[in-house]
Amino acid sequence: MALLRKTTAAKVLDLSKSGLEKLVNSDPGFPRPIKLGENRQSAVFFDEGEINAWIDAKKAQRLEVAA
C-alpha cells in the first residue's frame, strides 16, 4: 500500500487540488482522504490502491453502459 500526498493524487488524476476536493465531496464512491494528525495543517494522503480500484470501477461502468 502506497500513500500519495494530496498533490500527487491530484496529478495522477490530472486534476487541480481544488478539483480533487470537489471530487471527494461530490462522489461518495471516491476514496476518503487519510489525515495524519488532528491539526488543520496535518498532511492529507490518499491510498494509491483505492484510487486505482476507483478508476477500474469507473472503467467497468463505462463498459457496462456501452454494452
N, C-alpha and C. Protein backbone atom coordinates (compact mmCIF):
# COMPACT_ATOMS: atom_id res chain seq x y z
N MET A 1 0.84 -1.17 0.00
CA MET A 1 0.00 0.00 0.00
C MET A 1 0.89 1.24 0.00
N ALA A 2 0.66 2.09 -0.97
CA ALA A 2 1.39 3.35 -1.04
C ALA A 2 0.43 4.49 -0.76
N LEU A 3 0.90 5.44 0.02
CA LEU A 3 0.10 6.63 0.29
C LEU A 3 0.60 7.76 -0.59
N LEU A 4 -0.33 8.46 -1.22
CA LEU A 4 0.00 9.57 -2.08
C LEU A 4 -0.42 10.87 -1.39
N ARG A 5 0.47 11.84 -1.42
CA ARG A 5 0.09 13.16 -0.92
C ARG A 5 -1.03 13.70 -1.80
N LYS A 6 -1.77 14.63 -1.26
CA LYS A 6 -2.90 15.20 -1.97
C LYS A 6 -2.47 15.75 -3.34
N THR A 7 -1.33 16.43 -3.40
CA THR A 7 -0.84 17.00 -4.65
C THR A 7 -0.55 15.90 -5.67
N THR A 8 0.07 14.82 -5.23
CA THR A 8 0.40 13.72 -6.13
C THR A 8 -0.86 13.01 -6.61
N ALA A 9 -1.82 12.81 -5.71
CA ALA A 9 -3.08 12.18 -6.10
C ALA A 9 -3.79 13.03 -7.15
N ALA A 10 -3.76 14.34 -6.99
CA ALA A 10 -4.38 15.24 -7.96
C ALA A 10 -3.68 15.10 -9.32
N LYS A 11 -2.35 15.00 -9.31
CA LYS A 11 -1.61 14.86 -10.56
C LYS A 11 -1.93 13.53 -11.24
N VAL A 12 -2.05 12.46 -10.47
CA VAL A 12 -2.38 11.15 -11.02
C VAL A 12 -3.72 11.20 -11.75
N LEU A 13 -4.66 11.96 -11.20
CA LEU A 13 -5.99 12.08 -11.78
C LEU A 13 -6.10 13.24 -12.76
N ASP A 14 -5.01 13.95 -12.98
CA ASP A 14 -4.96 15.12 -13.86
C ASP A 14 -5.98 16.17 -13.42
N LEU A 15 -5.98 16.45 -12.11
CA LEU A 15 -6.86 17.45 -11.53
C LEU A 15 -6.04 18.47 -10.75
N SER A 16 -6.63 19.61 -10.52
CA SER A 16 -6.04 20.57 -9.59
C SER A 16 -6.37 20.08 -8.17
N LYS A 17 -5.73 20.66 -7.17
CA LYS A 17 -6.05 20.27 -5.80
C LYS A 17 -7.50 20.60 -5.47
N SER A 18 -8.00 21.73 -5.96
CA SER A 18 -9.40 22.08 -5.70
C SER A 18 -10.33 21.13 -6.47
N GLY A 19 -9.91 20.69 -7.66
CA GLY A 19 -10.70 19.72 -8.41
C GLY A 19 -10.78 18.40 -7.67
N LEU A 20 -9.68 17.99 -7.04
CA LEU A 20 -9.67 16.77 -6.24
C LEU A 20 -10.62 16.92 -5.06
N GLU A 21 -10.60 18.07 -4.40
CA GLU A 21 -11.51 18.30 -3.27
C GLU A 21 -12.97 18.23 -3.72
N LYS A 22 -13.27 18.80 -4.89
CA LYS A 22 -14.63 18.74 -5.42
C LYS A 22 -15.04 17.29 -5.68
N LEU A 23 -14.11 16.50 -6.22
CA LEU A 23 -14.40 15.08 -6.48
C LEU A 23 -14.67 14.34 -5.18
N VAL A 24 -13.87 14.58 -4.17
CA VAL A 24 -14.05 13.93 -2.86
C VAL A 24 -15.43 14.28 -2.30
N ASN A 25 -15.83 15.54 -2.46
CA ASN A 25 -17.11 15.99 -1.89
C ASN A 25 -18.31 15.58 -2.72
N SER A 26 -18.14 15.36 -4.02
CA SER A 26 -19.29 15.08 -4.87
C SER A 26 -19.50 13.60 -5.19
N ASP A 27 -18.45 12.78 -5.10
CA ASP A 27 -18.56 11.37 -5.45
C ASP A 27 -18.41 10.52 -4.19
N PRO A 28 -19.52 9.98 -3.68
CA PRO A 28 -19.43 9.18 -2.45
C PRO A 28 -18.61 7.90 -2.60
N GLY A 29 -18.39 7.46 -3.83
CA GLY A 29 -17.60 6.26 -4.07
C GLY A 29 -16.11 6.50 -4.15
N PHE A 30 -15.72 7.78 -4.18
CA PHE A 30 -14.29 8.09 -4.27
C PHE A 30 -13.63 7.85 -2.91
N PRO A 31 -12.40 7.33 -2.91
CA PRO A 31 -11.73 7.03 -1.64
C PRO A 31 -11.63 8.26 -0.74
N ARG A 32 -11.87 8.04 0.51
CA ARG A 32 -11.78 9.11 1.51
C ARG A 32 -10.32 9.41 1.82
N PRO A 33 -10.01 10.68 2.06
CA PRO A 33 -8.62 11.03 2.39
C PRO A 33 -8.24 10.51 3.77
N ILE A 34 -6.96 10.32 3.95
CA ILE A 34 -6.40 9.88 5.23
C ILE A 34 -5.62 11.07 5.79
N LYS A 35 -6.07 11.58 6.92
CA LYS A 35 -5.41 12.74 7.52
C LYS A 35 -4.58 12.26 8.71
N LEU A 36 -3.30 12.59 8.67
CA LEU A 36 -2.41 12.19 9.76
C LEU A 36 -2.30 13.34 10.75
N GLY A 37 -3.02 13.21 11.82
CA GLY A 37 -2.98 14.23 12.86
C GLY A 37 -4.32 14.92 13.01
N GLU A 38 -4.42 15.69 14.06
CA GLU A 38 -5.66 16.36 14.41
C GLU A 38 -5.69 17.81 13.94
N ASN A 39 -4.52 18.36 13.66
CA ASN A 39 -4.43 19.77 13.30
C ASN A 39 -4.98 20.02 11.91
N ARG A 40 -5.38 21.26 11.68
CA ARG A 40 -5.84 21.66 10.35
C ARG A 40 -4.74 21.51 9.32
N GLN A 41 -3.51 21.69 9.74
CA GLN A 41 -2.37 21.67 8.83
C GLN A 41 -1.75 20.29 8.68
N SER A 42 -2.36 19.28 9.27
CA SER A 42 -1.83 17.92 9.16
C SER A 42 -1.87 17.45 7.71
N ALA A 43 -0.89 16.65 7.35
CA ALA A 43 -0.80 16.15 5.97
C ALA A 43 -1.99 15.25 5.63
N VAL A 44 -2.42 15.34 4.37
CA VAL A 44 -3.53 14.54 3.87
C VAL A 44 -2.99 13.61 2.78
N PHE A 45 -3.37 12.35 2.86
CA PHE A 45 -2.91 11.34 1.90
C PHE A 45 -4.10 10.59 1.33
N PHE A 46 -3.86 9.92 0.20
CA PHE A 46 -4.83 9.02 -0.40
C PHE A 46 -4.13 7.69 -0.64
N ASP A 47 -4.86 6.60 -0.47
CA ASP A 47 -4.33 5.27 -0.72
C ASP A 47 -4.30 5.04 -2.23
N GLU A 48 -3.13 4.79 -2.77
CA GLU A 48 -2.96 4.60 -4.21
C GLU A 48 -3.79 3.42 -4.72
N GLY A 49 -3.84 2.34 -3.96
CA GLY A 49 -4.61 1.17 -4.36
C GLY A 49 -6.10 1.47 -4.44
N GLU A 50 -6.61 2.26 -3.50
CA GLU A 50 -8.03 2.63 -3.52
C GLU A 50 -8.34 3.52 -4.72
N ILE A 51 -7.44 4.42 -5.06
CA ILE A 51 -7.65 5.28 -6.23
C ILE A 51 -7.66 4.43 -7.50
N ASN A 52 -6.72 3.49 -7.60
CA ASN A 52 -6.68 2.60 -8.77
C ASN A 52 -7.94 1.75 -8.87
N ALA A 53 -8.43 1.27 -7.73
CA ALA A 53 -9.67 0.48 -7.73
C ALA A 53 -10.85 1.34 -8.16
N TRP A 54 -10.89 2.61 -7.73
CA TRP A 54 -11.96 3.52 -8.14
C TRP A 54 -11.92 3.75 -9.65
N ILE A 55 -10.71 3.94 -10.19
CA ILE A 55 -10.56 4.12 -11.64
C ILE A 55 -11.04 2.87 -12.38
N ASP A 56 -10.66 1.69 -11.89
CA ASP A 56 -11.09 0.43 -12.51
C ASP A 56 -12.61 0.29 -12.49
N ALA A 57 -13.23 0.71 -11.38
CA ALA A 57 -14.69 0.64 -11.27
C ALA A 57 -15.34 1.59 -12.28
N LYS A 58 -14.75 2.77 -12.46
CA LYS A 58 -15.28 3.73 -13.45
C LYS A 58 -15.16 3.16 -14.86
N LYS A 59 -14.05 2.48 -15.13
CA LYS A 59 -13.87 1.85 -16.45
C LYS A 59 -14.93 0.77 -16.66
N ALA A 60 -15.18 -0.04 -15.63
CA ALA A 60 -16.16 -1.10 -15.73
C ALA A 60 -17.55 -0.52 -15.98
N GLN A 61 -17.88 0.58 -15.32
CA GLN A 61 -19.18 1.24 -15.54
C GLN A 61 -19.30 1.71 -16.97
N ARG A 62 -18.22 2.24 -17.51
CA ARG A 62 -18.21 2.73 -18.88
C ARG A 62 -18.49 1.58 -19.84
N LEU A 63 -17.90 0.43 -19.58
CA LEU A 63 -18.10 -0.74 -20.44
C LEU A 63 -19.53 -1.26 -20.34
N GLU A 64 -20.12 -1.20 -19.14
CA GLU A 64 -21.50 -1.66 -18.95
C GLU A 64 -22.47 -0.77 -19.71
N VAL A 65 -22.23 0.52 -19.71
CA VAL A 65 -23.09 1.47 -20.40
C VAL A 65 -23.00 1.26 -21.91
N ALA A 66 -21.79 0.96 -22.39
CA ALA A 66 -21.58 0.78 -23.83
C ALA A 66 -22.20 -0.53 -24.34
N ALA A 67 -22.36 -1.51 -23.46
CA ALA A 67 -22.88 -2.82 -23.89
C ALA A 67 -24.38 -2.84 -24.06
